[in-house]
Amino acid sequence: TAPSYNHEQVLDDMNDKVLELIDEYSEKEEPFFIYYPTPAVHGPLLPKSEFKGKSGLNAYADIVLQTDDMVGKIMDKLQEKGIDESNPEFK
């Protein structure tokens, strides 16, 4: 890997990019589609420090908790922008 590549930062960087795209695309009139297949459950399993040991089970379960948090941030951003499924104009 490149010297600047940080395995532990990949999930945050990718999720931040999705949140950035939602901000950018939601300002436009046309609908948008983001396909985001997170690599979270593939090795290496490196949960952030706030999730290490949080599950009480193993690194995979900690990553599942971190992934749930990531999805929650995406859902919060969609709601903040008024483009989530609960918005009557969305349907």
N, C-alpha and C. Protein backbone atom coordinates (compact mmCIF):
# COMPACT_ATOMS: atom_id res chain seq x y z
N THR A 1 0.83 -1.18 0.00
CA THR A 1 0.00 0.00 0.00
C THR A 1 0.88 1.25 0.00
N ALA A 2 0.28 2.35 -0.37
CA ALA A 2 1.00 3.62 -0.38
C ALA A 2 1.34 4.04 1.05
N PRO A 3 2.42 4.77 1.22
CA PRO A 3 2.83 5.19 2.57
C PRO A 3 1.74 5.99 3.31
N SER A 4 0.92 6.72 2.57
CA SER A 4 -0.11 7.53 3.22
C SER A 4 -1.40 6.76 3.49
N TYR A 5 -1.46 5.51 3.04
CA TYR A 5 -2.68 4.70 3.20
C TYR A 5 -2.81 4.24 4.64
N ASN A 6 -3.95 4.48 5.24
CA ASN A 6 -4.19 4.09 6.62
C ASN A 6 -5.41 3.18 6.67
N HIS A 7 -5.19 1.89 6.87
CA HIS A 7 -6.29 0.91 6.90
C HIS A 7 -7.38 1.30 7.89
N GLU A 8 -6.99 1.80 9.03
CA GLU A 8 -7.96 2.12 10.08
C GLU A 8 -8.82 3.32 9.75
N GLN A 9 -8.41 4.12 8.76
CA GLN A 9 -9.15 5.32 8.41
C GLN A 9 -10.07 5.12 7.20
N VAL A 10 -9.93 3.99 6.50
CA VAL A 10 -10.67 3.75 5.25
C VAL A 10 -12.18 3.88 5.42
N LEU A 11 -12.74 3.24 6.42
CA LEU A 11 -14.20 3.25 6.59
C LEU A 11 -14.72 4.66 6.85
N ASP A 12 -14.03 5.41 7.70
CA ASP A 12 -14.44 6.79 7.97
C ASP A 12 -14.31 7.65 6.71
N ASP A 13 -13.21 7.49 5.99
CA ASP A 13 -13.00 8.28 4.77
C ASP A 13 -14.09 8.00 3.74
N MET A 14 -14.43 6.73 3.56
CA MET A 14 -15.46 6.38 2.58
C MET A 14 -16.83 6.89 3.01
N ASN A 15 -17.14 6.75 4.28
CA ASN A 15 -18.44 7.23 4.77
C ASN A 15 -18.53 8.76 4.67
N ASP A 16 -17.43 9.43 4.99
CA ASP A 16 -17.41 10.89 4.86
C ASP A 16 -17.65 11.30 3.42
N LYS A 17 -17.09 10.55 2.47
CA LYS A 17 -17.29 10.87 1.05
C LYS A 17 -18.76 10.71 0.66
N VAL A 18 -19.43 9.68 1.16
CA VAL A 18 -20.85 9.50 0.87
C VAL A 18 -21.66 10.66 1.44
N LEU A 19 -21.35 11.08 2.67
CA LEU A 19 -22.05 12.21 3.27
C LEU A 19 -21.81 13.49 2.47
N GLU A 20 -20.60 13.65 1.98
CA GLU A 20 -20.24 14.79 1.14
C GLU A 20 -21.06 14.77 -0.18
N LEU A 21 -21.16 13.60 -0.78
CA LEU A 21 -21.93 13.48 -2.02
C LEU A 21 -23.41 13.78 -1.80
N ILE A 22 -23.95 13.33 -0.67
CA ILE A 22 -25.35 13.62 -0.36
C ILE A 22 -25.54 15.13 -0.25
N ASP A 23 -24.62 15.81 0.44
CA ASP A 23 -24.69 17.27 0.53
C ASP A 23 -24.68 17.89 -0.86
N GLU A 24 -23.75 17.45 -1.69
CA GLU A 24 -23.59 18.02 -3.03
C GLU A 24 -24.81 17.74 -3.92
N TYR A 25 -25.22 16.49 -3.99
CA TYR A 25 -26.30 16.11 -4.90
C TYR A 25 -27.67 16.61 -4.44
N SER A 26 -27.86 16.76 -3.15
CA SER A 26 -29.17 17.18 -2.65
C SER A 26 -29.47 18.64 -2.98
N GLU A 27 -28.45 19.39 -3.37
CA GLU A 27 -28.64 20.79 -3.74
C GLU A 27 -29.16 20.93 -5.18
N LYS A 28 -29.12 19.84 -5.93
CA LYS A 28 -29.56 19.88 -7.33
C LYS A 28 -31.02 19.45 -7.42
N GLU A 29 -31.65 19.81 -8.51
CA GLU A 29 -33.07 19.49 -8.72
C GLU A 29 -33.31 18.04 -9.10
N GLU A 30 -32.37 17.45 -9.83
CA GLU A 30 -32.59 16.09 -10.31
C GLU A 30 -32.30 15.05 -9.23
N PRO A 31 -33.00 13.92 -9.31
CA PRO A 31 -32.76 12.85 -8.33
C PRO A 31 -31.35 12.27 -8.51
N PHE A 32 -30.88 11.60 -7.48
CA PHE A 32 -29.56 10.98 -7.57
C PHE A 32 -29.59 9.59 -6.95
N PHE A 33 -28.60 8.81 -7.27
CA PHE A 33 -28.46 7.45 -6.77
C PHE A 33 -27.02 7.26 -6.34
N ILE A 34 -26.83 6.77 -5.13
CA ILE A 34 -25.49 6.44 -4.64
C ILE A 34 -25.48 4.97 -4.29
N TYR A 35 -24.59 4.24 -4.92
CA TYR A 35 -24.39 2.82 -4.60
C TYR A 35 -23.16 2.76 -3.70
N TYR A 36 -23.33 2.29 -2.48
CA TYR A 36 -22.25 2.32 -1.50
C TYR A 36 -22.08 0.95 -0.85
N PRO A 37 -21.31 0.08 -1.48
CA PRO A 37 -21.04 -1.24 -0.87
C PRO A 37 -19.85 -1.12 0.08
N THR A 38 -20.11 -0.84 1.33
CA THR A 38 -19.03 -0.65 2.29
C THR A 38 -18.14 -1.90 2.42
N PRO A 39 -16.84 -1.70 2.51
CA PRO A 39 -15.94 -2.83 2.71
C PRO A 39 -15.81 -3.21 4.18
N ALA A 40 -16.68 -2.69 5.02
CA ALA A 40 -16.54 -2.82 6.48
C ALA A 40 -16.41 -4.26 6.96
N VAL A 41 -17.12 -5.18 6.37
CA VAL A 41 -17.12 -6.56 6.90
C VAL A 41 -16.05 -7.44 6.26
N HIS A 42 -15.19 -6.84 5.45
CA HIS A 42 -14.09 -7.58 4.83
C HIS A 42 -12.80 -7.22 5.54
N GLY A 43 -11.85 -8.12 5.52
CA GLY A 43 -10.61 -7.90 6.22
C GLY A 43 -9.78 -6.78 5.63
N PRO A 44 -8.90 -6.21 6.39
CA PRO A 44 -8.71 -6.51 7.80
C PRO A 44 -9.80 -5.88 8.66
N LEU A 45 -10.18 -6.56 9.71
CA LEU A 45 -11.21 -6.06 10.61
C LEU A 45 -10.54 -5.14 11.63
N LEU A 46 -10.69 -3.85 11.38
CA LEU A 46 -10.03 -2.85 12.22
C LEU A 46 -11.04 -1.82 12.71
N PRO A 47 -11.83 -2.19 13.72
CA PRO A 47 -12.80 -1.22 14.24
C PRO A 47 -12.09 -0.01 14.85
N LYS A 48 -12.75 1.15 14.75
CA LYS A 48 -12.22 2.35 15.38
C LYS A 48 -12.13 2.12 16.88
N SER A 49 -11.31 2.91 17.54
CA SER A 49 -11.09 2.73 18.98
C SER A 49 -12.40 2.79 19.76
N GLU A 50 -13.34 3.65 19.35
CA GLU A 50 -14.59 3.75 20.09
C GLU A 50 -15.47 2.50 19.96
N PHE A 51 -15.14 1.63 18.99
CA PHE A 51 -15.92 0.40 18.80
C PHE A 51 -15.15 -0.85 19.20
N LYS A 52 -13.84 -0.75 19.42
CA LYS A 52 -13.04 -1.91 19.81
C LYS A 52 -13.53 -2.44 21.15
N GLY A 53 -13.95 -3.70 21.15
CA GLY A 53 -14.42 -4.34 22.38
C GLY A 53 -15.83 -3.96 22.78
N LYS A 54 -16.48 -3.07 22.05
CA LYS A 54 -17.82 -2.59 22.42
C LYS A 54 -18.87 -3.69 22.39
N SER A 55 -18.73 -4.61 21.46
CA SER A 55 -19.72 -5.68 21.35
C SER A 55 -19.57 -6.72 22.46
N GLY A 56 -18.37 -6.83 22.99
CA GLY A 56 -18.10 -7.87 23.97
C GLY A 56 -17.94 -9.24 23.35
N LEU A 57 -17.90 -9.31 22.03
CA LEU A 57 -17.79 -10.59 21.34
C LEU A 57 -16.46 -10.74 20.62
N ASN A 58 -16.30 -9.99 19.52
CA ASN A 58 -15.08 -10.10 18.72
C ASN A 58 -14.99 -8.91 17.77
N ALA A 59 -13.91 -8.87 16.99
CA ALA A 59 -13.69 -7.74 16.08
C ALA A 59 -14.78 -7.65 15.02
N TYR A 60 -15.28 -8.79 14.55
CA TYR A 60 -16.34 -8.77 13.53
C TYR A 60 -17.59 -8.10 14.10
N ALA A 61 -17.98 -8.46 15.30
CA ALA A 61 -19.16 -7.86 15.92
C ALA A 61 -18.94 -6.36 16.18
N ASP A 62 -17.71 -5.99 16.52
CA ASP A 62 -17.40 -4.56 16.71
C ASP A 62 -17.55 -3.81 15.39
N ILE A 63 -17.12 -4.42 14.29
CA ILE A 63 -17.26 -3.81 12.97
C ILE A 63 -18.74 -3.69 12.59
N VAL A 64 -19.55 -4.67 12.96
CA VAL A 64 -20.98 -4.59 12.69
C VAL A 64 -21.57 -3.38 13.42
N LEU A 65 -21.17 -3.16 14.67
CA LEU A 65 -21.64 -1.98 15.41
C LEU A 65 -21.18 -0.69 14.75
N GLN A 66 -19.94 -0.68 14.28
CA GLN A 66 -19.42 0.51 13.60
C GLN A 66 -20.19 0.74 12.30
N THR A 67 -20.48 -0.32 11.57
CA THR A 67 -21.23 -0.20 10.31
C THR A 67 -22.63 0.34 10.59
N ASP A 68 -23.26 -0.12 11.64
CA ASP A 68 -24.58 0.39 12.02
C ASP A 68 -24.50 1.90 12.29
N ASP A 69 -23.44 2.32 12.95
CA ASP A 69 -23.24 3.75 13.21
C ASP A 69 -23.07 4.52 11.91
N MET A 70 -22.31 3.96 10.96
CA MET A 70 -22.09 4.60 9.67
C MET A 70 -23.41 4.76 8.91
N VAL A 71 -24.22 3.71 8.89
CA VAL A 71 -25.52 3.77 8.21
C VAL A 71 -26.41 4.80 8.90
N GLY A 72 -26.35 4.86 10.21
CA GLY A 72 -27.12 5.85 10.96
C GLY A 72 -26.75 7.27 10.56
N LYS A 73 -25.47 7.53 10.33
CA LYS A 73 -25.03 8.85 9.91
C LYS A 73 -25.56 9.18 8.51
N ILE A 74 -25.61 8.20 7.64
CA ILE A 74 -26.16 8.41 6.30
C ILE A 74 -27.65 8.69 6.40
N MET A 75 -28.36 7.92 7.19
CA MET A 75 -29.80 8.13 7.35
C MET A 75 -30.07 9.51 7.96
N ASP A 76 -29.26 9.91 8.96
CA ASP A 76 -29.41 11.24 9.57
C ASP A 76 -29.20 12.34 8.53
N LYS A 77 -28.21 12.16 7.65
CA LYS A 77 -27.93 13.17 6.63
C LYS A 77 -29.10 13.27 5.64
N LEU A 78 -29.65 12.14 5.24
CA LEU A 78 -30.80 12.16 4.33
C LEU A 78 -31.99 12.87 4.97
N GLN A 79 -32.20 12.60 6.26
CA GLN A 79 -33.29 13.27 6.97
C GLN A 79 -33.03 14.77 7.10
N GLU A 80 -31.80 15.13 7.42
CA GLU A 80 -31.42 16.54 7.53
C GLU A 80 -31.70 17.28 6.22
N LYS A 81 -31.45 16.61 5.10
CA LYS A 81 -31.66 17.22 3.78
C LYS A 81 -33.11 17.12 3.32
N GLY A 82 -33.95 16.41 4.09
CA GLY A 82 -35.35 16.28 3.72
C GLY A 82 -35.59 15.35 2.56
N ILE A 83 -34.67 14.41 2.35
CA ILE A 83 -34.81 13.49 1.22
C ILE A 83 -34.86 12.03 1.66
N ASP A 84 -35.27 11.81 2.88
CA ASP A 84 -35.42 10.44 3.37
C ASP A 84 -36.85 9.97 3.11
N GLU A 85 -37.09 8.71 3.34
CA GLU A 85 -38.41 8.13 3.04
C GLU A 85 -39.53 8.69 3.90
N SER A 86 -39.24 9.29 5.04
CA SER A 86 -40.29 9.83 5.90
C SER A 86 -40.82 11.17 5.37
N ASN A 87 -40.14 11.76 4.42
CA ASN A 87 -40.57 13.03 3.83
C ASN A 87 -41.67 12.75 2.81
N PRO A 88 -42.87 13.30 3.01
CA PRO A 88 -43.98 13.03 2.07
C PRO A 88 -43.68 13.43 0.63
N GLU A 89 -42.83 14.43 0.43
CA GLU A 89 -42.46 14.85 -0.92
C GLU A 89 -41.53 13.87 -1.60
N PHE A 90 -40.89 12.99 -0.82
CA PHE A 90 -39.94 12.02 -1.35
C PHE A 90 -40.63 10.93 -2.16
N LYS A 91 -41.84 10.58 -1.78
CA LYS A 91 -42.53 9.45 -2.38
C LYS A 91 -43.01 9.72 -3.76
